[in-house]
PDB file of all heavy atoms in Angstrom:
ATOM      1  N   LYS A   1     -13.534  -1.379   8.385  1.00  0.00           N
ATOM      2  CA  LYS A   1     -13.422  -0.659   7.115  1.00  0.00           C
ATOM      3  C   LYS A   1     -13.546  -1.628   5.953  1.00  0.00           C
ATOM      4  O   LYS A   1     -13.000  -2.717   5.974  1.00  0.00           O
ATOM      5  CB  LYS A   1     -12.052   0.035   7.095  1.00  0.00           C
ATOM      6  CG  LYS A   1     -11.675   0.650   5.793  1.00  0.00           C
ATOM      7  CD  LYS A   1     -12.175   2.045   5.720  1.00  0.00           C
ATOM      8  CE  LYS A   1     -11.624   2.718   4.480  1.00  0.00           C
ATOM      9  NZ  LYS A   1     -12.585   3.494   3.808  1.00  0.00           N
ATOM     10  N   ARG A   2     -14.284  -1.239   4.922  1.00  0.00           N
ATOM     11  CA  ARG A   2     -14.411  -2.048   3.716  1.00  0.00           C
ATOM     12  C   ARG A   2     -13.777  -1.274   2.572  1.00  0.00           C
ATOM     13  O   ARG A   2     -14.113  -0.128   2.329  1.00  0.00           O
ATOM     14  CB  ARG A   2     -15.876  -2.332   3.417  1.00  0.00           C
ATOM     15  CG  ARG A   2     -16.070  -3.132   2.155  1.00  0.00           C
ATOM     16  CD  ARG A   2     -17.339  -3.946   2.193  1.00  0.00           C
ATOM     17  NE  ARG A   2     -17.692  -4.517   0.926  1.00  0.00           N
ATOM     18  CZ  ARG A   2     -16.984  -5.426   0.251  1.00  0.00           C
ATOM     19  NH1 ARG A   2     -15.854  -5.854   0.738  1.00  0.00           N
ATOM     20  NH2 ARG A   2     -17.394  -5.891  -0.895  1.00  0.00           N
ATOM     21  N   PHE A   3     -12.846  -1.920   1.877  1.00  0.00           N
ATOM     22  CA  PHE A   3     -12.150  -1.291   0.763  1.00  0.00           C
ATOM     23  C   PHE A   3     -12.911  -1.556  -0.526  1.00  0.00           C
ATOM     24  O   PHE A   3     -13.189  -2.700  -0.866  1.00  0.00           O
ATOM     25  CB  PHE A   3     -10.724  -1.832   0.648  1.00  0.00           C
ATOM     26  CG  PHE A   3      -9.935  -1.636   1.910  1.00  0.00           C
ATOM     27  CD1 PHE A   3      -9.658  -2.717   2.738  1.00  0.00           C
ATOM     28  CD2 PHE A   3      -9.498  -0.383   2.278  1.00  0.00           C
ATOM     29  CE1 PHE A   3      -8.946  -2.534   3.906  1.00  0.00           C
ATOM     30  CE2 PHE A   3      -8.784  -0.189   3.444  1.00  0.00           C
ATOM     31  CZ  PHE A   3      -8.508  -1.277   4.269  1.00  0.00           C
ATOM     32  N   LEU A   4     -13.237  -0.485  -1.227  1.00  0.00           N
ATOM     33  CA  LEU A   4     -13.977  -0.602  -2.470  1.00  0.00           C
ATOM     34  C   LEU A   4     -13.074  -0.390  -3.692  1.00  0.00           C
ATOM     35  O   LEU A   4     -13.463  -0.721  -4.803  1.00  0.00           O
ATOM     36  CB  LEU A   4     -15.128   0.403  -2.496  1.00  0.00           C
ATOM     37  CG  LEU A   4     -16.132   0.262  -1.352  1.00  0.00           C
ATOM     38  CD1 LEU A   4     -17.164   1.379  -1.412  1.00  0.00           C
ATOM     39  CD2 LEU A   4     -16.802  -1.108  -1.394  1.00  0.00           C
ATOM     40  N   SER A   5     -11.892   0.186  -3.462  1.00  0.00           N
ATOM     41  CA  SER A   5     -10.976   0.458  -4.565  1.00  0.00           C
ATOM     42  C   SER A   5      -9.537   0.342  -4.077  1.00  0.00           C
ATOM     43  O   SER A   5      -9.262   0.395  -2.871  1.00  0.00           O
ATOM     44  CB  SER A   5     -11.208   1.863  -5.122  1.00  0.00           C
ATOM     45  OG  SER A   5     -10.775   2.838  -4.185  1.00  0.00           O
ATOM     46  N   ILE A   6      -8.632   0.229  -5.024  1.00  0.00           N
ATOM     47  CA  ILE A   6      -7.206   0.168  -4.706  1.00  0.00           C
ATOM     48  C   ILE A   6      -6.764   1.477  -4.054  1.00  0.00           C
ATOM     49  O   ILE A   6      -6.006   1.481  -3.088  1.00  0.00           O
ATOM     50  CB  ILE A   6      -6.387  -0.121  -5.986  1.00  0.00           C
ATOM     51  CG1 ILE A   6      -6.741  -1.512  -6.528  1.00  0.00           C
ATOM     52  CG2 ILE A   6      -4.901   0.015  -5.733  1.00  0.00           C
ATOM     53  CD1 ILE A   6      -6.558  -2.642  -5.542  1.00  0.00           C
ATOM     54  N   GLU A   7      -7.250   2.587  -4.563  1.00  0.00           N
ATOM     55  CA  GLU A   7      -6.893   3.892  -3.993  1.00  0.00           C
ATOM     56  C   GLU A   7      -7.322   3.973  -2.529  1.00  0.00           C
ATOM     57  O   GLU A   7      -6.600   4.504  -1.693  1.00  0.00           O
ATOM     58  CB  GLU A   7      -7.528   5.023  -4.814  1.00  0.00           C
ATOM     59  CG  GLU A   7      -6.956   5.171  -6.203  1.00  0.00           C
ATOM     60  CD  GLU A   7      -7.458   4.133  -7.213  1.00  0.00           C
ATOM     61  OE1 GLU A   7      -8.480   3.443  -6.941  1.00  0.00           O
ATOM     62  OE2 GLU A   7      -6.814   3.986  -8.262  1.00  0.00           O
ATOM     63  N   ASP A   8      -8.484   3.437  -2.225  1.00  0.00           N
ATOM     64  CA  ASP A   8      -8.990   3.395  -0.858  1.00  0.00           C
ATOM     65  C   ASP A   8      -8.046   2.579   0.032  1.00  0.00           C
ATOM     66  O   ASP A   8      -7.715   2.976   1.149  1.00  0.00           O
ATOM     67  CB  ASP A   8     -10.390   2.777  -0.872  1.00  0.00           C
ATOM     68  CG  ASP A   8     -11.166   2.975   0.421  1.00  0.00           C
ATOM     69  OD1 ASP A   8     -10.870   3.931   1.153  1.00  0.00           O
ATOM     70  OD2 ASP A   8     -12.079   2.173   0.672  1.00  0.00           O
ATOM     71  N   ALA A   9      -7.583   1.452  -0.478  1.00  0.00           N
ATOM     72  CA  ALA A   9      -6.665   0.590   0.278  1.00  0.00           C
ATOM     73  C   ALA A   9      -5.332   1.284   0.513  1.00  0.00           C
ATOM     74  O   ALA A   9      -4.768   1.214   1.612  1.00  0.00           O
ATOM     75  CB  ALA A   9      -6.455  -0.729  -0.463  1.00  0.00           C
ATOM     76  N   PHE A  10      -4.799   1.975  -0.495  1.00  0.00           N
ATOM     77  CA  PHE A  10      -3.520   2.671  -0.340  1.00  0.00           C
ATOM     78  C   PHE A  10      -3.635   3.838   0.633  1.00  0.00           C
ATOM     79  O   PHE A  10      -2.725   4.108   1.412  1.00  0.00           O
ATOM     80  CB  PHE A  10      -2.988   3.154  -1.686  1.00  0.00           C
ATOM     81  CG  PHE A  10      -2.541   2.026  -2.585  1.00  0.00           C
ATOM     82  CD1 PHE A  10      -2.552   2.184  -3.953  1.00  0.00           C
ATOM     83  CD2 PHE A  10      -2.101   0.815  -2.076  1.00  0.00           C
ATOM     84  CE1 PHE A  10      -2.130   1.172  -4.800  1.00  0.00           C
ATOM     85  CE2 PHE A  10      -1.683  -0.214  -2.906  1.00  0.00           C
ATOM     86  CZ  PHE A  10      -1.700  -0.032  -4.271  1.00  0.00           C
ATOM     87  N   ARG A  11      -4.771   4.533   0.593  1.00  0.00           N
ATOM     88  CA  ARG A  11      -5.009   5.621   1.544  1.00  0.00           C
ATOM     89  C   ARG A  11      -5.004   5.074   2.978  1.00  0.00           C
ATOM     90  O   ARG A  11      -4.453   5.670   3.892  1.00  0.00           O
ATOM     91  CB  ARG A  11      -6.345   6.294   1.204  1.00  0.00           C
ATOM     92  CG  ARG A  11      -6.460   7.702   1.634  1.00  0.00           C
ATOM     93  CD  ARG A  11      -7.687   8.448   1.092  1.00  0.00           C
ATOM     94  NE  ARG A  11      -8.767   7.669   0.515  1.00  0.00           N
ATOM     95  CZ  ARG A  11      -8.942   7.476  -0.797  1.00  0.00           C
ATOM     96  NH1 ARG A  11      -8.115   7.989  -1.677  1.00  0.00           N
ATOM     97  NH2 ARG A  11      -9.973   6.765  -1.238  1.00  0.00           N
ATOM     98  N   PHE A  12      -5.612   3.895   3.164  1.00  0.00           N
ATOM     99  CA  PHE A  12      -5.623   3.241   4.475  1.00  0.00           C
ATOM    100  C   PHE A  12      -4.190   2.969   4.947  1.00  0.00           C
ATOM    101  O   PHE A  12      -3.850   3.219   6.094  1.00  0.00           O
ATOM    102  CB  PHE A  12      -6.406   1.930   4.386  1.00  0.00           C
ATOM    103  CG  PHE A  12      -6.352   1.113   5.649  1.00  0.00           C
ATOM    104  CD1 PHE A  12      -7.269   1.318   6.655  1.00  0.00           C
ATOM    105  CD2 PHE A  12      -5.380   0.139   5.825  1.00  0.00           C
ATOM    106  CE1 PHE A  12      -7.221   0.563   7.823  1.00  0.00           C
ATOM    107  CE2 PHE A  12      -5.323  -0.611   6.995  1.00  0.00           C
ATOM    108  CZ  PHE A  12      -6.244  -0.400   7.993  1.00  0.00           C
ATOM    109  N   LEU A  13      -3.342   2.437   4.038  1.00  0.00           N
ATOM    110  CA  LEU A  13      -1.949   2.162   4.397  1.00  0.00           C
ATOM    111  C   LEU A  13      -1.266   3.427   4.904  1.00  0.00           C
ATOM    112  O   LEU A  13      -0.595   3.416   5.936  1.00  0.00           O
ATOM    113  CB  LEU A  13      -1.169   1.618   3.202  1.00  0.00           C
ATOM    114  CG  LEU A  13      -1.457   0.202   2.750  1.00  0.00           C
ATOM    115  CD1 LEU A  13      -0.612  -0.133   1.525  1.00  0.00           C
ATOM    116  CD2 LEU A  13      -1.218  -0.800   3.856  1.00  0.00           C
ATOM    117  N   GLU A  14      -1.448   4.510   4.175  1.00  0.00           N
ATOM    118  CA  GLU A  14      -0.808   5.768   4.559  1.00  0.00           C
ATOM    119  C   GLU A  14      -1.332   6.291   5.890  1.00  0.00           C
ATOM    120  O   GLU A  14      -0.564   6.779   6.716  1.00  0.00           O
ATOM    121  CB  GLU A  14      -1.007   6.802   3.450  1.00  0.00           C
ATOM    122  CG  GLU A  14      -0.252   6.431   2.181  1.00  0.00           C
ATOM    123  CD  GLU A  14      -0.657   7.243   0.958  1.00  0.00           C
ATOM    124  OE1 GLU A  14      -1.707   7.931   0.995  1.00  0.00           O
ATOM    125  OE2 GLU A  14       0.077   7.169  -0.039  1.00  0.00           O
ATOM    126  N   GLU A  15      -2.634   6.162   6.126  1.00  0.00           N
ATOM    127  CA  GLU A  15      -3.242   6.677   7.351  1.00  0.00           C
ATOM    128  C   GLU A  15      -2.920   5.828   8.579  1.00  0.00           C
ATOM    129  O   GLU A  15      -2.936   6.332   9.698  1.00  0.00           O
ATOM    130  CB  GLU A  15      -4.766   6.745   7.182  1.00  0.00           C
ATOM    131  CG  GLU A  15      -5.216   7.790   6.191  1.00  0.00           C
ATOM    132  CD  GLU A  15      -6.700   7.694   5.855  1.00  0.00           C
ATOM    133  OE1 GLU A  15      -7.398   6.787   6.387  1.00  0.00           O
ATOM    134  OE2 GLU A  15      -7.158   8.500   5.037  1.00  0.00           O
ATOM    135  N   HIS A  16      -2.630   4.532   8.391  1.00  0.00           N
ATOM    136  CA  HIS A  16      -2.429   3.623   9.524  1.00  0.00           C
ATOM    137  C   HIS A  16      -0.985   3.176   9.698  1.00  0.00           C
ATOM    138  O   HIS A  16      -0.697   2.293  10.502  1.00  0.00           O
ATOM    139  CB  HIS A  16      -3.356   2.409   9.386  1.00  0.00           C
ATOM    140  CG  HIS A  16      -4.788   2.787   9.593  1.00  0.00           C
ATOM    141  ND1 HIS A  16      -5.558   3.353   8.611  1.00  0.00           N
ATOM    142  CD2 HIS A  16      -5.568   2.712  10.689  1.00  0.00           C
ATOM    143  CE1 HIS A  16      -6.761   3.601   9.091  1.00  0.00           C
ATOM    144  NE2 HIS A  16      -6.799   3.228  10.345  1.00  0.00           N
ATOM    145  N   PHE A  17      -0.082   3.781   8.951  1.00  0.00           N
ATOM    146  CA  PHE A  17       1.342   3.470   9.067  1.00  0.00           C
ATOM    147  C   PHE A  17       1.873   3.952  10.410  1.00  0.00           C
ATOM    148  O   PHE A  17       1.514   5.025  10.886  1.00  0.00           O
ATOM    149  CB  PHE A  17       2.092   4.158   7.918  1.00  0.00           C
ATOM    150  CG  PHE A  17       3.569   3.919   7.918  1.00  0.00           C
ATOM    151  CD1 PHE A  17       4.078   2.645   7.742  1.00  0.00           C
ATOM    152  CD2 PHE A  17       4.448   4.979   8.075  1.00  0.00           C
ATOM    153  CE1 PHE A  17       5.450   2.429   7.729  1.00  0.00           C
ATOM    154  CE2 PHE A  17       5.812   4.767   8.063  1.00  0.00           C
ATOM    155  CZ  PHE A  17       6.312   3.482   7.891  1.00  0.00           C
ATOM    156  N   LEU A  18       2.718   3.122  11.040  1.00  0.00           N
ATOM    157  CA  LEU A  18       3.326   3.458  12.334  1.00  0.00           C
ATOM    158  C   LEU A  18       4.810   3.743  12.112  1.00  0.00           C
ATOM    159  O   LEU A  18       5.651   2.843  12.203  1.00  0.00           O
ATOM    160  CB  LEU A  18       3.139   2.292  13.313  1.00  0.00           C
ATOM    161  CG  LEU A  18       1.699   1.928  13.646  1.00  0.00           C
ATOM    162  CD1 LEU A  18       1.634   0.603  14.411  1.00  0.00           C
ATOM    163  CD2 LEU A  18       1.039   3.048  14.438  1.00  0.00           C
ATOM    164  N   PRO A  19       5.170   4.986  11.817  1.00  0.00           N
ATOM    165  CA  PRO A  19       6.557   5.303  11.478  1.00  0.00           C
ATOM    166  C   PRO A  19       7.545   4.964  12.588  1.00  0.00           C
ATOM    167  O   PRO A  19       8.683   4.576  12.311  1.00  0.00           O
ATOM    168  CB  PRO A  19       6.532   6.802  11.188  1.00  0.00           C
ATOM    169  CG  PRO A  19       5.267   7.315  11.756  1.00  0.00           C
ATOM    170  CD  PRO A  19       4.312   6.158  11.800  1.00  0.00           C
ATOM    171  N   GLU A  20       7.108   5.060  13.844  1.00  0.00           N
ATOM    172  CA  GLU A  20       8.014   4.764  14.964  1.00  0.00           C
ATOM    173  C   GLU A  20       8.442   3.302  14.986  1.00  0.00           C
ATOM    174  O   GLU A  20       9.477   2.959  15.559  1.00  0.00           O
ATOM    175  CB  GLU A  20       7.379   5.167  16.300  1.00  0.00           C
ATOM    176  CG  GLU A  20       6.159   4.369  16.697  1.00  0.00           C
ATOM    177  CD  GLU A  20       4.840   4.835  16.082  1.00  0.00           C
ATOM    178  OE1 GLU A  20       4.838   5.728  15.213  1.00  0.00           O
ATOM    179  OE2 GLU A  20       3.797   4.291  16.483  1.00  0.00           O
ATOM    180  N   LYS A  21       7.677   2.415  14.356  1.00  0.00           N
ATOM    181  CA  LYS A  21       8.034   1.000  14.300  1.00  0.00           C
ATOM    182  C   LYS A  21       8.872   0.666  13.068  1.00  0.00           C
ATOM    183  O   LYS A  21       9.307  -0.471  12.916  1.00  0.00           O
ATOM    184  CB  LYS A  21       6.775   0.133  14.313  1.00  0.00           C
ATOM    185  CG  LYS A  21       6.055   0.169  15.645  1.00  0.00           C
ATOM    186  CD  LYS A  21       4.993  -0.886  15.700  1.00  0.00           C
ATOM    187  CE  LYS A  21       4.388  -0.934  17.098  1.00  0.00           C
ATOM    188  NZ  LYS A  21       3.493  -2.064  17.256  1.00  0.00           N
ATOM    189  N   ALA A  22       9.073   1.643  12.200  1.00  0.00           N
ATOM    190  CA  ALA A  22       9.754   1.389  10.929  1.00  0.00           C
ATOM    191  C   ALA A  22      11.061   2.155  10.786  1.00  0.00           C
ATOM    192  O   ALA A  22      11.588   2.268   9.678  1.00  0.00           O
ATOM    193  CB  ALA A  22       8.822   1.738   9.778  1.00  0.00           C
ATOM    194  N   THR A  23      11.604   2.640  11.884  1.00  0.00           N
ATOM    195  CA  THR A  23      12.820   3.451  11.785  1.00  0.00           C
ATOM    196  C   THR A  23      14.021   2.658  11.257  1.00  0.00           C
ATOM    197  O   THR A  23      14.894   3.222  10.623  1.00  0.00           O
ATOM    198  CB  THR A  23      13.179   4.089  13.144  1.00  0.00           C
ATOM    199  OG1 THR A  23      13.323   3.046  14.113  1.00  0.00           O
ATOM    200  CG2 THR A  23      12.113   5.074  13.585  1.00  0.00           C
ATOM    201  N   GLU A  24      14.038   1.365  11.497  1.00  0.00           N
ATOM    202  CA  GLU A  24      15.150   0.511  11.051  1.00  0.00           C
ATOM    203  C   GLU A  24      14.801  -0.269   9.776  1.00  0.00           C
ATOM    204  O   GLU A  24      15.565  -1.125   9.352  1.00  0.00           O
ATOM    205  CB  GLU A  24      15.520  -0.491  12.155  1.00  0.00           C
ATOM    206  CG  GLU A  24      15.903   0.146  13.476  1.00  0.00           C
ATOM    207  CD  GLU A  24      17.233   0.861  13.399  1.00  0.00           C
ATOM    208  OE1 GLU A  24      18.164   0.336  12.769  1.00  0.00           O
ATOM    209  OE2 GLU A  24      17.335   1.974  13.969  1.00  0.00           O
ATOM    210  N   THR A  25      13.652   0.026   9.191  1.00  0.00           N
ATOM    211  CA  THR A  25      13.177  -0.734   8.036  1.00  0.00           C
ATOM    212  C   THR A  25      13.603  -0.069   6.741  1.00  0.00           C
ATOM    213  O   THR A  25      13.503   1.142   6.582  1.00  0.00           O
ATOM    214  CB  THR A  25      11.638  -0.853   8.075  1.00  0.00           C
ATOM    215  OG1 THR A  25      11.267  -1.476   9.306  1.00  0.00           O
ATOM    216  CG2 THR A  25      11.112  -1.678   6.917  1.00  0.00           C
ATOM    217  N   ASP A  26      14.063  -0.887   5.808  1.00  0.00           N
ATOM    218  CA  ASP A  26      14.425  -0.431   4.468  1.00  0.00           C
ATOM    219  C   ASP A  26      13.965  -1.513   3.498  1.00  0.00           C
ATOM    220  O   ASP A  26      14.649  -2.528   3.323  1.00  0.00           O
ATOM    221  CB  ASP A  26      15.936  -0.210   4.379  1.00  0.00           C
ATOM    222  CG  ASP A  26      16.364   0.378   3.055  1.00  0.00           C
ATOM    223  OD1 ASP A  26      15.512   0.623   2.180  1.00  0.00           O
ATOM    224  OD2 ASP A  26      17.579   0.593   2.879  1.00  0.00           O
ATOM    225  N   VAL A  27      12.775  -1.319   2.913  1.00  0.00           N
ATOM    226  CA  VAL A  27      12.174  -2.381   2.104  1.00  0.00           C
ATOM    227  C   VAL A  27      11.356  -1.773   0.955  1.00  0.00           C
ATOM    228  O   VAL A  27      10.751  -0.716   1.105  1.00  0.00           O
ATOM    229  CB  VAL A  27      11.307  -3.306   2.985  1.00  0.00           C
ATOM    230  CG1 VAL A  27      10.123  -2.590   3.555  1.00  0.00           C
ATOM    231  CG2 VAL A  27      10.862  -4.534   2.237  1.00  0.00           C
ATOM    232  N   THR A  28      11.357  -2.490  -0.166  1.00  0.00           N
ATOM    233  CA  THR A  28      10.527  -2.122  -1.306  1.00  0.00           C
ATOM    234  C   THR A  28       9.660  -3.327  -1.669  1.00  0.00           C
ATOM    235  O   THR A  28      10.178  -4.429  -1.859  1.00  0.00           O
ATOM    236  CB  THR A  28      11.376  -1.720  -2.524  1.00  0.00           C
ATOM    237  OG1 THR A  28      12.198  -0.603  -2.171  1.00  0.00           O
ATOM    238  CG2 THR A  28      10.498  -1.343  -3.710  1.00  0.00           C
ATOM    239  N   VAL A  29       8.354  -3.097  -1.755  1.00  0.00           N
ATOM    240  CA  VAL A  29       7.400  -4.132  -2.144  1.00  0.00           C
ATOM    241  C   VAL A  29       6.756  -3.705  -3.460  1.00  0.00           C
ATOM    242  O   VAL A  29       6.181  -2.611  -3.542  1.00  0.00           O
ATOM    243  CB  VAL A  29       6.305  -4.332  -1.074  1.00  0.00           C
ATOM    244  CG1 VAL A  29       5.294  -5.374  -1.530  1.00  0.00           C
ATOM    245  CG2 VAL A  29       6.921  -4.711   0.263  1.00  0.00           C
ATOM    246  N   GLN A  30       6.891  -4.544  -4.470  1.00  0.00           N
ATOM    247  CA  GLN A  30       6.262  -4.285  -5.772  1.00  0.00           C
ATOM    248  C   GLN A  30       4.926  -5.009  -5.816  1.00  0.00           C
ATOM    249  O   GLN A  30       4.866  -6.208  -5.536  1.00  0.00           O
ATOM    250  CB  GLN A  30       7.160  -4.791  -6.895  1.00  0.00           C
ATOM    251  CG  GLN A  30       6.604  -4.539  -8.274  1.00  0.00           C
ATOM    252  CD  GLN A  30       6.595  -3.071  -8.647  1.00  0.00           C
ATOM    253  OE1 GLN A  30       7.615  -2.409  -8.584  1.00  0.00           O
ATOM    254  NE2 GLN A  30       5.434  -2.553  -9.024  1.00  0.00           N
ATOM    255  N   LEU A  31       3.858  -4.290  -6.125  1.00  0.00           N
ATOM    256  CA  LEU A  31       2.538  -4.890  -6.292  1.00  0.00           C
ATOM    257  C   LEU A  31       2.189  -4.883  -7.774  1.00  0.00           C
ATOM    258  O   LEU A  31       2.245  -3.839  -8.425  1.00  0.00           O
ATOM    259  CB  LEU A  31       1.467  -4.092  -5.544  1.00  0.00           C
ATOM    260  CG  LEU A  31       1.467  -4.164  -4.040  1.00  0.00           C
ATOM    261  CD1 LEU A  31       0.408  -3.222  -3.474  1.00  0.00           C
ATOM    262  CD2 LEU A  31       1.199  -5.582  -3.576  1.00  0.00           C
ATOM    263  N   HIS A  32       1.861  -6.048  -8.288  1.00  0.00           N
ATOM    264  CA  HIS A  32       1.384  -6.174  -9.662  1.00  0.00           C
ATOM    265  C   HIS A  32      -0.045  -6.686  -9.567  1.00  0.00           C
ATOM    266  O   HIS A  32      -0.261  -7.856  -9.253  1.00  0.00           O
ATOM    267  CB  HIS A  32       2.274  -7.118 -10.465  1.00  0.00           C
ATOM    268  CG  HIS A  32       1.784  -7.314 -11.867  1.00  0.00           C
ATOM    269  ND1 HIS A  32       1.749  -6.288 -12.779  1.00  0.00           N
ATOM    270  CD2 HIS A  32       1.295  -8.399 -12.499  1.00  0.00           C
ATOM    271  CE1 HIS A  32       1.251  -6.750 -13.916  1.00  0.00           C
ATOM    272  NE2 HIS A  32       0.965  -8.023 -13.763  1.00  0.00           N
ATOM    273  N   LEU A  33      -1.000  -5.775  -9.786  1.00  0.00           N
ATOM    274  CA  LEU A  33      -2.411  -6.118  -9.679  1.00  0.00           C
ATOM    275  C   LEU A  33      -2.966  -6.325 -11.082  1.00  0.00           C
ATOM    276  O   LEU A  33      -2.827  -5.456 -11.943  1.00  0.00           O
ATOM    277  CB  LEU A  33      -3.177  -5.021  -8.946  1.00  0.00           C
ATOM    278  CG  LEU A  33      -2.656  -4.702  -7.537  1.00  0.00           C
ATOM    279  CD1 LEU A  33      -3.442  -3.556  -6.925  1.00  0.00           C
ATOM    280  CD2 LEU A  33      -2.723  -5.926  -6.653  1.00  0.00           C
ATOM    281  N   THR A  34      -3.576  -7.479 -11.298  1.00  0.00           N
ATOM    282  CA  THR A  34      -4.092  -7.827 -12.612  1.00  0.00           C
ATOM    283  C   THR A  34      -5.603  -7.621 -12.655  1.00  0.00           C
ATOM    284  O   THR A  34      -6.253  -7.446 -11.622  1.00  0.00           O
ATOM    285  CB  THR A  34      -3.763  -9.293 -12.956  1.00  0.00           C
ATOM    286  OG1 THR A  34      -4.411 -10.154 -12.014  1.00  0.00           O
ATOM    287  CG2 THR A  34      -2.259  -9.545 -12.924  1.00  0.00           C
ATOM    288  N   GLY A  35      -6.171  -7.663 -13.836  1.00  0.00           N
ATOM    289  CA  GLY A  35      -7.611  -7.537 -13.989  1.00  0.00           C
ATOM    290  C   GLY A  35      -8.069  -6.090 -13.939  1.00  0.00           C
ATOM    291  O   GLY A  35      -7.271  -5.149 -13.948  1.00  0.00           O
ATOM    292  N   GLU A  36      -9.378  -5.918 -13.867  1.00  0.00           N
ATOM    293  CA  GLU A  36      -9.978  -4.588 -13.871  1.00  0.00           C
ATOM    294  C   GLU A  36      -9.490  -3.749 -12.698  1.00  0.00           C
ATOM    295  O   GLU A  36      -9.471  -4.210 -11.553  1.00  0.00           O
ATOM    296  CB  GLU A  36     -11.500  -4.711 -13.812  1.00  0.00           C
ATOM    297  CG  GLU A  36     -12.204  -3.388 -13.983  1.00  0.00           C
ATOM    298  CD  GLU A  36     -13.718  -3.527 -14.013  1.00  0.00           C
ATOM    299  OE1 GLU A  36     -14.218  -4.628 -14.306  1.00  0.00           O
ATOM    300  OE2 GLU A  36     -14.381  -2.524 -13.740  1.00  0.00           O
ATOM    301  N   GLY A  37      -9.063  -2.533 -12.985  1.00  0.00           N
ATOM    302  CA  GLY A  37      -8.567  -1.632 -11.953  1.00  0.00           C
ATOM    303  C   GLY A  37      -7.136  -1.922 -11.537  1.00  0.00           C
ATOM    304  O   GLY A  37      -6.633  -1.336 -10.592  1.00  0.00           O
ATOM    305  N   GLY A  38      -6.481  -2.834 -12.243  1.00  0.00           N
ATOM    306  CA  GLY A  38      -5.128  -3.246 -11.882  1.00  0.00           C
ATOM    307  C   GLY A  38      -4.063  -2.286 -12.370  1.00  0.00           C
ATOM    308  O   GLY A  38      -4.345  -1.233 -12.921  1.00  0.00           O
ATOM    309  N   GLY A  39      -2.846  -2.695 -12.145  1.00  0.00           N
ATOM    310  CA  GLY A  39      -1.687  -1.899 -12.532  1.00  0.00           C
ATOM    311  C   GLY A  39      -0.532  -2.234 -11.622  1.00  0.00           C
ATOM    312  O   GLY A  39      -0.577  -3.178 -10.836  1.00  0.00           O
ATOM    313  N   ASP A  40       0.509  -1.437 -11.731  1.00  0.00           N
ATOM    314  CA  ASP A  40       1.707  -1.632 -10.914  1.00  0.00           C
ATOM    315  C   ASP A  40       1.882  -0.474  -9.948  1.00  0.00           C
ATOM    316  O   ASP A  40       1.721   0.688 -10.323  1.00  0.00           O
ATOM    317  CB  ASP A  40       2.947  -1.741 -11.806  1.00  0.00           C
ATOM    318  CG  ASP A  40       2.968  -3.022 -12.604  1.00  0.00           C
ATOM    319  OD1 ASP A  40       2.955  -4.089 -11.978  1.00  0.00           O
ATOM    320  OD2 ASP A  40       2.995  -2.956 -13.848  1.00  0.00           O
ATOM    321  N   TRP A  41       2.208  -0.804  -8.724  1.00  0.00           N
ATOM    322  CA  TRP A  41       2.528   0.157  -7.675  1.00  0.00           C
ATOM    323  C   TRP A  41       3.660  -0.422  -6.857  1.00  0.00           C
ATOM    324  O   TRP A  41       3.811  -1.639  -6.778  1.00  0.00           O
ATOM    325  CB  TRP A  41       1.343   0.370  -6.729  1.00  0.00           C
ATOM    326  CG  TRP A  41       0.219   1.135  -7.308  1.00  0.00           C
ATOM    327  CD1 TRP A  41      -0.001   2.485  -7.230  1.00  0.00           C
ATOM    328  CD2 TRP A  41      -0.887   0.609  -8.041  1.00  0.00           C
ATOM    329  NE1 TRP A  41      -1.168   2.807  -7.874  1.00  0.00           N
ATOM    330  CE2 TRP A  41      -1.729   1.671  -8.393  1.00  0.00           C
ATOM    331  CE3 TRP A  41      -1.242  -0.682  -8.456  1.00  0.00           C
ATOM    332  CZ2 TRP A  41      -2.896   1.516  -9.118  1.00  0.00           C
ATOM    333  CZ3 TRP A  41      -2.403  -0.852  -9.181  1.00  0.00           C
ATOM    334  CH2 TRP A  41      -3.221   0.235  -9.500  1.00  0.00           C
ATOM    335  N   PHE A  42       4.430   0.455  -6.233  1.00  0.00           N
ATOM    336  CA  PHE A  42       5.388  -0.054  -5.261  1.00  0.00           C
ATOM    337  C   PHE A  42       5.274   0.725  -3.968  1.00  0.00           C
ATOM    338  O   PHE A  42       4.897   1.892  -3.954  1.00  0.00           O
ATOM    339  CB  PHE A  42       6.816  -0.107  -5.802  1.00  0.00           C
ATOM    340  CG  PHE A  42       7.450   1.214  -6.132  1.00  0.00           C
ATOM    341  CD1 PHE A  42       8.239   1.875  -5.210  1.00  0.00           C
ATOM    342  CD2 PHE A  42       7.291   1.775  -7.393  1.00  0.00           C
ATOM    343  CE1 PHE A  42       8.846   3.077  -5.525  1.00  0.00           C
ATOM    344  CE2 PHE A  42       7.898   2.971  -7.725  1.00  0.00           C
ATOM    345  CZ  PHE A  42       8.674   3.632  -6.790  1.00  0.00           C
ATOM    346  N   ILE A  43       5.535  -0.005  -2.908  1.00  0.00           N
ATOM    347  CA  ILE A  43       5.498   0.556  -1.562  1.00  0.00           C
ATOM    348  C   ILE A  43       6.935   0.601  -1.078  1.00  0.00           C
ATOM    349  O   ILE A  43       7.629  -0.418  -1.064  1.00  0.00           O
ATOM    350  CB  ILE A  43       4.626  -0.309  -0.637  1.00  0.00           C
ATOM    351  CG1 ILE A  43       3.190  -0.361  -1.176  1.00  0.00           C
ATOM    352  CG2 ILE A  43       4.671   0.218   0.795  1.00  0.00           C
ATOM    353  CD1 ILE A  43       2.339  -1.429  -0.538  1.00  0.00           C
ATOM    354  N   ARG A  44       7.372   1.776  -0.685  1.00  0.00           N
ATOM    355  CA  ARG A  44       8.742   1.956  -0.200  1.00  0.00           C
ATOM    356  C   ARG A  44       8.676   2.402   1.247  1.00  0.00           C
ATOM    357  O   ARG A  44       8.020   3.401   1.574  1.00  0.00           O
ATOM    358  CB  ARG A  44       9.448   3.015  -1.050  1.00  0.00           C
ATOM    359  CG  ARG A  44      10.851   3.272  -0.646  1.00  0.00           C
ATOM    360  CD  ARG A  44      11.764   2.255  -1.304  1.00  0.00           C
ATOM    361  NE  ARG A  44      13.126   2.581  -0.959  1.00  0.00           N
ATOM    362  CZ  ARG A  44      13.916   1.768  -0.282  1.00  0.00           C
ATOM    363  NH1 ARG A  44      13.498   0.578   0.080  1.00  0.00           N
ATOM    364  NH2 ARG A  44      15.134   2.104   0.021  1.00  0.00           N
TER     365      ARG A  44
END
């Protein structure tokens, strides 16, 4: 798969997440993307 946009990459994360491996996980990751198409997102 080749990612052409941030939205494409986030969609991939959602589609390939393995919830059964994350039952004990409690984490927040803040992404600060700079430059064109950038912005702030967080993954919970």
